[in-house]
């Protein structure tokens, strides 16, 4: 994969060939808000709706699918909470696991309050228990886990409760439960593609705006699964203003290509291995 993206002309739509670094994504968010007045709550809504659409396609063979959503306190978690609302509205049984309920703020807090007002089951960490196990038990076993724990801002090793949650989700994955990650598999460095202590192994990654530069590394291949690009409504001119991003960390070897396409079927029949 080429580690440099081509510049866009004003008004030209971004293509799936573009890849983005952590720094370029922060700048895109800033420009969208400051120059174009695009509310971040709108971007979160667009992201969560895209995730819900992909999840429904993956679970289309099931009449009342069971979905476990693991939400961190940041914007990634807020995206997951939006997806929870849309999936519940379409008839899915949804349980939300929140890693840090007191950590929500801004747009994520707004969507947490909406989900709570809807009466969706919310599982919070308790001393000596794993919230993923508790959430899974409430559902009688999920058909799909949506990973909305950590996003592109992660630069430090994952420890503590988040590491426990990631390992519990991976255990469900080993048992045959499908896993969908939002933007980047939690625990994966979006720039280098390396797992930071522990990382989610996803069947599908719904990545926002465009693929992350780290997705092209060999290190990332066991984790990202099938990559689906979600257009969340960032003005194309906003992306065109960036110029060339810095090259990624040079230590990781790059694969020639990462397949990017919409999912044609669930990762496993009924969300589970036979």
C-alpha atoms as a PDB file:
ATOM      1  CA  UNK A   1       0.000   0.000   0.000  1.00  0.00           C
ATOM      2  CA  UNK A   2       1.250   3.470  -0.838  1.00  0.00           C
ATOM      3  CA  UNK A   3       1.939   5.378   2.366  1.00  0.00           C
ATOM      4  CA  UNK A   4       1.251   8.754   0.731  1.00  0.00           C
ATOM      5  CA  UNK A   5      -2.203   9.808  -0.377  1.00  0.00           C
ATOM      6  CA  UNK A   6      -2.793  11.909  -3.480  1.00  0.00           C
ATOM      7  CA  UNK A   7      -4.102  15.455  -3.049  1.00  0.00           C
ATOM      8  CA  UNK A   8      -7.712  16.206  -3.918  1.00  0.00           C
ATOM      9  CA  UNK A   9      -8.926  19.178  -5.873  1.00  0.00           C
ATOM     10  CA  UNK A  10     -11.591  21.309  -4.151  1.00  0.00           C
ATOM     11  CA  UNK A  11     -14.983  19.653  -4.491  1.00  0.00           C
ATOM     12  CA  UNK A  12     -13.514  16.302  -5.508  1.00  0.00           C
ATOM     13  CA  UNK A  13     -14.882  13.375  -3.518  1.00  0.00           C
ATOM     14  CA  UNK A  14     -12.404  11.299  -1.507  1.00  0.00           C
ATOM     15  CA  UNK A  15     -11.868   7.757  -2.749  1.00  0.00           C
ATOM     16  CA  UNK A  16     -11.242   4.526  -0.909  1.00  0.00           C
ATOM     17  CA  UNK A  17      -7.635   4.674  -2.149  1.00  0.00           C
ATOM     18  CA  UNK A  18      -6.859   7.465   0.331  1.00  0.00           C
ATOM     19  CA  UNK A  19      -5.361   6.512   3.671  1.00  0.00           C
ATOM     20  CA  UNK A  20      -5.225   8.665   6.777  1.00  0.00           C
ATOM     21  CA  UNK A  21      -2.972   9.160   9.775  1.00  0.00           C
ATOM     22  CA  UNK A  22      -3.977  10.032  13.309  1.00  0.00           C
ATOM     23  CA  UNK A  23      -2.769  13.596  12.810  1.00  0.00           C
ATOM     24  CA  UNK A  24      -4.590  14.129   9.513  1.00  0.00           C
ATOM     25  CA  UNK A  25      -7.856  12.882  11.026  1.00  0.00           C
ATOM     26  CA  UNK A  26      -7.575  15.332  13.913  1.00  0.00           C
ATOM     27  CA  UNK A  27      -7.064  18.130  11.408  1.00  0.00           C
ATOM     28  CA  UNK A  28     -10.063  16.994   9.363  1.00  0.00           C
ATOM     29  CA  UNK A  29     -12.241  17.075  12.484  1.00  0.00           C
ATOM     30  CA  UNK A  30     -10.985  20.562  13.337  1.00  0.00           C
ATOM     31  CA  UNK A  31     -11.603  21.941   9.848  1.00  0.00           C
ATOM     32  CA  UNK A  32     -15.059  20.385   9.627  1.00  0.00           C
ATOM     33  CA  UNK A  33     -16.091  22.049  12.883  1.00  0.00           C
ATOM     34  CA  UNK A  34     -14.305  25.399  12.633  1.00  0.00           C
ATOM     35  CA  UNK A  35     -14.393  26.194   8.928  1.00  0.00           C
ATOM     36  CA  UNK A  36     -17.571  24.457   7.837  1.00  0.00           C
ATOM     37  CA  UNK A  37     -19.573  24.629  11.063  1.00  0.00           C
ATOM     38  CA  UNK A  38     -20.391  20.923  10.896  1.00  0.00           C
ATOM     39  CA  UNK A  39     -21.579  19.816  14.352  1.00  0.00           C
ATOM     40  CA  UNK A  40     -19.625  16.885  15.743  1.00  0.00           C
ATOM     41  CA  UNK A  41     -22.916  15.374  16.920  1.00  0.00           C
ATOM     42  CA  UNK A  42     -23.942  15.080  13.247  1.00  0.00           C
ATOM     43  CA  UNK A  43     -20.708  13.240  12.423  1.00  0.00           C
ATOM     44  CA  UNK A  44     -21.288  10.854  15.335  1.00  0.00           C
ATOM     45  CA  UNK A  45     -24.846  10.202  14.175  1.00  0.00           C
ATOM     46  CA  UNK A  46     -23.657   9.484  10.623  1.00  0.00           C
ATOM     47  CA  UNK A  47     -20.945   7.142  11.897  1.00  0.00           C
ATOM     48  CA  UNK A  48     -23.265   5.189  14.170  1.00  0.00           C
ATOM     49  CA  UNK A  49     -25.930   4.850  11.498  1.00  0.00           C
ATOM     50  CA  UNK A  50     -23.368   3.439   9.052  1.00  0.00           C
ATOM     51  CA  UNK A  51     -22.228   0.931  11.664  1.00  0.00           C
ATOM     52  CA  UNK A  52     -25.816  -0.131  12.317  1.00  0.00           C
ATOM     53  CA  UNK A  53     -26.424  -0.564   8.570  1.00  0.00           C
ATOM     54  CA  UNK A  54     -23.389  -2.849   8.223  1.00  0.00           C
ATOM     55  CA  UNK A  55     -24.394  -4.803  11.333  1.00  0.00           C
ATOM     56  CA  UNK A  56     -27.912  -5.326   9.961  1.00  0.00           C
ATOM     57  CA  UNK A  57     -26.468  -6.640   6.716  1.00  0.00           C
ATOM     58  CA  UNK A  58     -24.236  -9.057   8.604  1.00  0.00           C
ATOM     59  CA  UNK A  59     -27.207 -10.271  10.658  1.00  0.00           C
ATOM     60  CA  UNK A  60     -29.825 -10.230   7.903  1.00  0.00           C
ATOM     61  CA  UNK A  61     -30.479 -13.976   8.182  1.00  0.00           C
ATOM     62  CA  UNK A  62     -31.679 -13.574  11.789  1.00  0.00           C
ATOM     63  CA  UNK A  63     -35.145 -12.273  12.680  1.00  0.00           C
ATOM     64  CA  UNK A  64     -34.212 -10.912  16.119  1.00  0.00           C
ATOM     65  CA  UNK A  65     -30.419 -10.805  16.320  1.00  0.00           C
ATOM     66  CA  UNK A  66     -28.656 -10.376  19.652  1.00  0.00           C
ATOM     67  CA  UNK A  67     -26.045  -7.631  19.671  1.00  0.00           C
ATOM     68  CA  UNK A  68     -23.580  -6.809  22.431  1.00  0.00           C
ATOM     69  CA  UNK A  69     -22.049  -3.335  22.138  1.00  0.00           C
ATOM     70  CA  UNK A  70     -18.902  -2.537  24.130  1.00  0.00           C
ATOM     71  CA  UNK A  71     -18.597   1.250  24.423  1.00  0.00           C
ATOM     72  CA  UNK A  72     -15.627   3.211  25.692  1.00  0.00           C
ATOM     73  CA  UNK A  73     -16.054   6.751  27.075  1.00  0.00           C
ATOM     74  CA  UNK A  74     -14.795   8.634  23.995  1.00  0.00           C
ATOM     75  CA  UNK A  75     -16.215   9.403  20.562  1.00  0.00           C
ATOM     76  CA  UNK A  76     -15.731   5.789  19.467  1.00  0.00           C
ATOM     77  CA  UNK A  77     -18.048   4.765  22.287  1.00  0.00           C
ATOM     78  CA  UNK A  78     -20.501   7.462  21.236  1.00  0.00           C
ATOM     79  CA  UNK A  79     -20.583   5.990  17.725  1.00  0.00           C
ATOM     80  CA  UNK A  80     -21.427   2.635  19.286  1.00  0.00           C
ATOM     81  CA  UNK A  81     -24.256   4.141  21.328  1.00  0.00           C
ATOM     82  CA  UNK A  82     -25.785   5.636  18.165  1.00  0.00           C
ATOM     83  CA  UNK A  83     -25.558   2.192  16.544  1.00  0.00           C
ATOM     84  CA  UNK A  84     -27.250   0.695  19.616  1.00  0.00           C
ATOM     85  CA  UNK A  85     -30.235   3.013  19.169  1.00  0.00           C
ATOM     86  CA  UNK A  86     -30.653   2.243  15.472  1.00  0.00           C
ATOM     87  CA  UNK A  87     -30.271  -1.506  15.939  1.00  0.00           C
ATOM     88  CA  UNK A  88     -32.793  -1.553  18.786  1.00  0.00           C
ATOM     89  CA  UNK A  89     -35.222   0.451  16.651  1.00  0.00           C
ATOM     90  CA  UNK A  90     -34.946  -2.176  13.906  1.00  0.00           C
ATOM     91  CA  UNK A  91     -35.822  -5.046  16.248  1.00  0.00           C
ATOM     92  CA  UNK A  92     -32.462  -6.328  17.457  1.00  0.00           C
ATOM     93  CA  UNK A  93     -31.972  -7.299  21.072  1.00  0.00           C
ATOM     94  CA  UNK A  94     -29.219  -4.970  22.244  1.00  0.00           C
ATOM     95  CA  UNK A  95     -27.175  -4.908  25.438  1.00  0.00           C
ATOM     96  CA  UNK A  96     -24.640  -2.133  25.990  1.00  0.00           C
ATOM     97  CA  UNK A  97     -21.492  -2.646  28.054  1.00  0.00           C
ATOM     98  CA  UNK A  98     -19.893   0.626  29.144  1.00  0.00           C
ATOM     99  CA  UNK A  99     -16.297   0.564  30.320  1.00  0.00           C
ATOM    100  CA  UNK A 100     -16.488   3.870  32.207  1.00  0.00           C
ATOM    101  CA  UNK A 101     -19.996   5.354  32.563  1.00  0.00           C
ATOM    102  CA  UNK A 102     -18.673   8.374  34.465  1.00  0.00           C
ATOM    103  CA  UNK A 103     -16.199   9.092  31.644  1.00  0.00           C
ATOM    104  CA  UNK A 104     -18.754  10.105  28.992  1.00  0.00           C
ATOM    105  CA  UNK A 105     -18.767  13.757  27.968  1.00  0.00           C
ATOM    106  CA  UNK A 106     -19.929  15.914  25.088  1.00  0.00           C
ATOM    107  CA  UNK A 107     -21.584  14.088  22.190  1.00  0.00           C
ATOM    108  CA  UNK A 108     -20.906  10.659  23.691  1.00  0.00           C
ATOM    109  CA  UNK A 109     -22.670  11.698  26.909  1.00  0.00           C
ATOM    110  CA  UNK A 110     -25.638  12.940  24.882  1.00  0.00           C
ATOM    111  CA  UNK A 111     -26.000   9.554  23.208  1.00  0.00           C
ATOM    112  CA  UNK A 112     -25.458   7.685  26.478  1.00  0.00           C
ATOM    113  CA  UNK A 113     -28.392   9.589  27.958  1.00  0.00           C
ATOM    114  CA  UNK A 114     -30.536   8.726  24.926  1.00  0.00           C
ATOM    115  CA  UNK A 115     -29.756   5.005  25.195  1.00  0.00           C
ATOM    116  CA  UNK A 116     -30.439   5.071  28.923  1.00  0.00           C
ATOM    117  CA  UNK A 117     -33.757   6.892  28.376  1.00  0.00           C
ATOM    118  CA  UNK A 118     -34.735   4.213  25.834  1.00  0.00           C
ATOM    119  CA  UNK A 119     -34.392   1.618  28.576  1.00  0.00           C
ATOM    120  CA  UNK A 120     -31.764  -0.469  26.807  1.00  0.00           C
ATOM    121  CA  UNK A 121     -29.927  -2.808  29.201  1.00  0.00           C
ATOM    122  CA  UNK A 122     -26.645  -1.202  30.265  1.00  0.00           C
ATOM    123  CA  UNK A 123     -23.944  -3.234  32.002  1.00  0.00           C
ATOM    124  CA  UNK A 124     -21.305  -1.410  34.026  1.00  0.00           C
ATOM    125  CA  UNK A 125     -18.111  -2.814  35.570  1.00  0.00           C
ATOM    126  CA  UNK A 126     -18.449  -4.267  39.044  1.00  0.00           C
ATOM    127  CA  UNK A 127     -15.689  -5.372  41.384  1.00  0.00           C
ATOM    128  CA  UNK A 128     -14.469  -8.842  40.488  1.00  0.00           C
ATOM    129  CA  UNK A 129     -16.739  -9.339  37.453  1.00  0.00           C
ATOM    130  CA  UNK A 130     -16.226  -9.013  33.709  1.00  0.00           C
ATOM    131  CA  UNK A 131     -18.923  -6.805  32.142  1.00  0.00           C
ATOM    132  CA  UNK A 132     -18.649  -8.675  28.837  1.00  0.00           C
ATOM    133  CA  UNK A 133     -19.557 -11.958  30.528  1.00  0.00           C
ATOM    134  CA  UNK A 134     -22.484 -10.269  32.277  1.00  0.00           C
ATOM    135  CA  UNK A 135     -23.710  -8.645  29.062  1.00  0.00           C
ATOM    136  CA  UNK A 136     -23.382 -11.887  27.133  1.00  0.00           C
ATOM    137  CA  UNK A 137     -25.391 -13.717  29.784  1.00  0.00           C
ATOM    138  CA  UNK A 138     -28.192 -11.130  29.569  1.00  0.00           C
ATOM    139  CA  UNK A 139     -28.504 -11.858  25.850  1.00  0.00           C
ATOM    140  CA  UNK A 140     -28.182 -15.614  26.195  1.00  0.00           C
ATOM    141  CA  UNK A 141     -25.093 -15.283  24.011  1.00  0.00           C
ATOM    142  CA  UNK A 142     -24.657 -12.581  21.334  1.00  0.00           C
ATOM    143  CA  UNK A 143     -24.735 -13.107  17.585  1.00  0.00           C
ATOM    144  CA  UNK A 144     -22.500 -10.071  17.086  1.00  0.00           C
ATOM    145  CA  UNK A 145     -20.229  -7.944  19.250  1.00  0.00           C
ATOM    146  CA  UNK A 146     -19.669  -4.322  18.215  1.00  0.00           C
ATOM    147  CA  UNK A 147     -16.321  -3.027  19.435  1.00  0.00           C
ATOM    148  CA  UNK A 148     -16.653   0.697  20.221  1.00  0.00           C
ATOM    149  CA  UNK A 149     -14.019   0.872  22.940  1.00  0.00           C
ATOM    150  CA  UNK A 150     -10.995   2.748  21.583  1.00  0.00           C
ATOM    151  CA  UNK A 151     -10.374   4.804  18.472  1.00  0.00           C
ATOM    152  CA  UNK A 152      -7.504   6.292  16.519  1.00  0.00           C
ATOM    153  CA  UNK A 153      -6.228   8.389  19.424  1.00  0.00           C
ATOM    154  CA  UNK A 154      -4.731   5.380  21.207  1.00  0.00           C
ATOM    155  CA  UNK A 155      -0.935   5.634  21.574  1.00  0.00           C
ATOM    156  CA  UNK A 156      -0.270   3.830  24.867  1.00  0.00           C
ATOM    157  CA  UNK A 157      -0.469   0.188  25.851  1.00  0.00           C
ATOM    158  CA  UNK A 158      -3.917  -1.025  26.851  1.00  0.00           C
ATOM    159  CA  UNK A 159      -4.059  -2.099  30.500  1.00  0.00           C
ATOM    160  CA  UNK A 160      -6.518  -2.783  33.298  1.00  0.00           C
ATOM    161  CA  UNK A 161     -10.238  -3.126  32.652  1.00  0.00           C
ATOM    162  CA  UNK A 162     -10.018  -2.299  28.943  1.00  0.00           C
ATOM    163  CA  UNK A 163      -7.486  -5.065  28.436  1.00  0.00           C
ATOM    164  CA  UNK A 164      -9.774  -7.472  30.301  1.00  0.00           C
ATOM    165  CA  UNK A 165     -12.720  -6.459  28.112  1.00  0.00           C
ATOM    166  CA  UNK A 166     -10.707  -6.880  24.901  1.00  0.00           C
ATOM    167  CA  UNK A 167      -9.609 -10.361  25.947  1.00  0.00           C
ATOM    168  CA  UNK A 168     -13.192 -11.298  26.842  1.00  0.00           C
ATOM    169  CA  UNK A 169     -14.422 -10.162  23.412  1.00  0.00           C
ATOM    170  CA  UNK A 170     -11.675 -12.161  21.743  1.00  0.00           C
ATOM    171  CA  UNK A 171     -12.767 -15.210  23.733  1.00  0.00           C
ATOM    172  CA  UNK A 172     -16.293 -14.792  22.348  1.00  0.00           C
ATOM    173  CA  UNK A 173     -14.751 -14.473  18.884  1.00  0.00           C
ATOM    174  CA  UNK A 174     -12.887 -17.761  19.370  1.00  0.00           C
ATOM    175  CA  UNK A 175     -16.230 -19.336  20.286  1.00  0.00           C
ATOM    176  CA  UNK A 176     -17.657 -18.239  16.933  1.00  0.00           C
ATOM    177  CA  UNK A 177     -19.308 -14.888  17.667  1.00  0.00           C
ATOM    178  CA  UNK A 178     -18.873 -12.278  14.925  1.00  0.00           C
ATOM    179  CA  UNK A 179     -17.015  -9.065  15.828  1.00  0.00           C
ATOM    180  CA  UNK A 180     -17.406  -5.663  14.154  1.00  0.00           C
ATOM    181  CA  UNK A 181     -14.986  -2.877  15.111  1.00  0.00           C
ATOM    182  CA  UNK A 182     -15.733   0.822  14.690  1.00  0.00           C
ATOM    183  CA  UNK A 183     -13.027   2.846  12.902  1.00  0.00           C
ATOM    184  CA  UNK A 184     -10.091   0.717  14.123  1.00  0.00           C
ATOM    185  CA  UNK A 185      -9.961  -2.521  16.150  1.00  0.00           C
ATOM    186  CA  UNK A 186      -9.564  -1.433  19.768  1.00  0.00           C
ATOM    187  CA  UNK A 187      -5.975  -1.729  20.927  1.00  0.00           C
ATOM    188  CA  UNK A 188      -4.496  -1.338  17.442  1.00  0.00           C
ATOM    189  CA  UNK A 189      -2.256   1.663  16.730  1.00  0.00           C
ATOM    190  CA  UNK A 190      -3.902   3.337  13.729  1.00  0.00           C
ATOM    191  CA  UNK A 191      -0.580   4.672  12.386  1.00  0.00           C
ATOM    192  CA  UNK A 192       1.780   1.727  12.902  1.00  0.00           C
ATOM    193  CA  UNK A 193      -0.745  -1.127  12.757  1.00  0.00           C
ATOM    194  CA  UNK A 194       0.761  -2.690  15.870  1.00  0.00           C
ATOM    195  CA  UNK A 195      -1.317  -4.030  18.759  1.00  0.00           C
ATOM    196  CA  UNK A 196      -0.664  -2.064  21.944  1.00  0.00           C
ATOM    197  CA  UNK A 197      -0.738  -4.716  24.637  1.00  0.00           C
ATOM    198  CA  UNK A 198      -4.016  -6.286  23.474  1.00  0.00           C
ATOM    199  CA  UNK A 199      -6.180  -5.723  20.401  1.00  0.00           C
ATOM    200  CA  UNK A 200      -9.561  -6.850  19.115  1.00  0.00           C
ATOM    201  CA  UNK A 201      -9.594  -9.417  16.316  1.00  0.00           C
ATOM    202  CA  UNK A 202     -12.384  -8.148  14.061  1.00  0.00           C
ATOM    203  CA  UNK A 203     -14.271  -9.865  11.264  1.00  0.00           C
ATOM    204  CA  UNK A 204     -15.226  -6.455   9.871  1.00  0.00           C
ATOM    205  CA  UNK A 205     -13.845  -2.980  10.563  1.00  0.00           C
ATOM    206  CA  UNK A 206     -16.144  -0.098   9.626  1.00  0.00           C
ATOM    207  CA  UNK A 207     -13.560   2.652   9.247  1.00  0.00           C
ATOM    208  CA  UNK A 208     -14.655   6.292   9.229  1.00  0.00           C
ATOM    209  CA  UNK A 209     -13.655   8.774   6.491  1.00  0.00           C
ATOM    210  CA  UNK A 210     -11.114   6.327   5.001  1.00  0.00           C
ATOM    211  CA  UNK A 211      -8.684   3.508   5.821  1.00  0.00           C
ATOM    212  CA  UNK A 212      -6.001   4.202   8.387  1.00  0.00           C
ATOM    213  CA  UNK A 213      -2.398   4.053   7.223  1.00  0.00           C
ATOM    214  CA  UNK A 214      -1.605   1.279   9.713  1.00  0.00           C
ATOM    215  CA  UNK A 215      -4.136  -1.053   8.081  1.00  0.00           C
ATOM    216  CA  UNK A 216      -1.615  -1.728   5.323  1.00  0.00           C
ATOM    217  CA  UNK A 217       0.996  -3.221   7.640  1.00  0.00           C
ATOM    218  CA  UNK A 218       1.604  -6.911   8.145  1.00  0.00           C
ATOM    219  CA  UNK A 219       1.177  -6.333  11.878  1.00  0.00           C
ATOM    220  CA  UNK A 220      -2.432  -5.244  11.370  1.00  0.00           C
ATOM    221  CA  UNK A 221      -3.574  -8.084   9.117  1.00  0.00           C
ATOM    222  CA  UNK A 222      -4.683 -10.513  11.865  1.00  0.00           C
ATOM    223  CA  UNK A 223      -6.884  -7.817  13.419  1.00  0.00           C
ATOM    224  CA  UNK A 224      -8.651  -5.630  10.831  1.00  0.00           C
ATOM    225  CA  UNK A 225     -10.660  -8.272   8.953  1.00  0.00           C
ATOM    226  CA  UNK A 226     -12.754  -6.943   6.079  1.00  0.00           C
ATOM    227  CA  UNK A 227     -12.513  -3.146   5.857  1.00  0.00           C
ATOM    228  CA  UNK A 228     -15.659  -1.162   5.036  1.00  0.00           C
ATOM    229  CA  UNK A 229     -15.307   2.600   4.515  1.00  0.00           C
ATOM    230  CA  UNK A 230     -18.068   4.791   5.978  1.00  0.00           C
ATOM    231  CA  UNK A 231     -18.609   8.270   4.546  1.00  0.00           C
ATOM    232  CA  UNK A 232     -19.719  10.314   7.570  1.00  0.00           C
ATOM    233  CA  UNK A 233     -20.336  13.524   5.644  1.00  0.00           C
ATOM    234  CA  UNK A 234     -17.014  15.352   5.923  1.00  0.00           C
ATOM    235  CA  UNK A 235     -16.892  17.966   3.101  1.00  0.00           C
ATOM    236  CA  UNK A 236     -14.523  16.790   0.361  1.00  0.00           C
ATOM    237  CA  UNK A 237     -12.941  20.239   0.266  1.00  0.00           C
ATOM    238  CA  UNK A 238     -12.023  19.815   3.916  1.00  0.00           C
ATOM    239  CA  UNK A 239      -9.950  16.738   3.059  1.00  0.00           C
ATOM    240  CA  UNK A 240      -8.445  18.467   0.032  1.00  0.00           C
ATOM    241  CA  UNK A 241      -6.984  21.215   2.214  1.00  0.00           C
ATOM    242  CA  UNK A 242      -4.749  18.899   4.198  1.00  0.00           C
ATOM    243  CA  UNK A 243      -1.800  18.398   1.849  1.00  0.00           C
ATOM    244  CA  UNK A 244       0.327  15.275   2.214  1.00  0.00           C
ATOM    245  CA  UNK A 245       0.281  13.502   5.589  1.00  0.00           C
ATOM    246  CA  UNK A 246       3.556  12.453   7.221  1.00  0.00           C
ATOM    247  CA  UNK A 247       4.788   8.952   6.332  1.00  0.00           C
ATOM    248  CA  UNK A 248       3.883   6.173   8.781  1.00  0.00           C
ATOM    249  CA  UNK A 249       6.306   4.613  11.225  1.00  0.00           C
ATOM    250  CA  UNK A 250       8.973   2.940   9.026  1.00  0.00           C
ATOM    251  CA  UNK A 251       9.567  -0.132  11.179  1.00  0.00           C
ATOM    252  CA  UNK A 252       6.466  -2.024  10.020  1.00  0.00           C
ATOM    253  CA  UNK A 253       6.542  -3.918   6.748  1.00  0.00           C
ATOM    254  CA  UNK A 254       3.689  -3.140   4.369  1.00  0.00           C
ATOM    255  CA  UNK A 255       1.540  -5.543   2.417  1.00  0.00           C
ATOM    256  CA  UNK A 256       0.814  -4.804  -1.226  1.00  0.00           C
ATOM    257  CA  UNK A 257      -2.890  -4.188  -0.771  1.00  0.00           C
ATOM    258  CA  UNK A 258      -5.753  -4.301   1.698  1.00  0.00           C
ATOM    259  CA  UNK A 259      -9.071  -5.381   0.247  1.00  0.00           C
ATOM    260  CA  UNK A 260     -11.755  -2.781   0.921  1.00  0.00           C
ATOM    261  CA  UNK A 261     -15.325  -3.693   0.056  1.00  0.00           C
ATOM    262  CA  UNK A 262     -18.815  -3.873   1.549  1.00  0.00           C
ATOM    263  CA  UNK A 263     -19.628  -7.205   3.232  1.00  0.00           C
ATOM    264  CA  UNK A 264     -21.539  -9.660   1.057  1.00  0.00           C
ATOM    265  CA  UNK A 265     -22.637 -11.980   3.882  1.00  0.00           C
ATOM    266  CA  UNK A 266     -22.242 -12.492   7.619  1.00  0.00           C
ATOM    267  CA  UNK A 267     -18.721 -13.527   8.662  1.00  0.00           C
ATOM    268  CA  UNK A 268     -20.272 -16.759   9.889  1.00  0.00           C
ATOM    269  CA  UNK A 269     -23.730 -18.182   9.339  1.00  0.00           C
ATOM    270  CA  UNK A 270     -25.986 -16.792  12.041  1.00  0.00           C
ATOM    271  CA  UNK A 271     -23.038 -14.935  13.526  1.00  0.00           C
ATOM    272  CA  UNK A 272     -21.498 -18.165  14.825  1.00  0.00           C
ATOM    273  CA  UNK A 273     -19.124 -20.862  13.675  1.00  0.00           C
ATOM    274  CA  UNK A 274     -20.713 -24.168  12.889  1.00  0.00           C
END
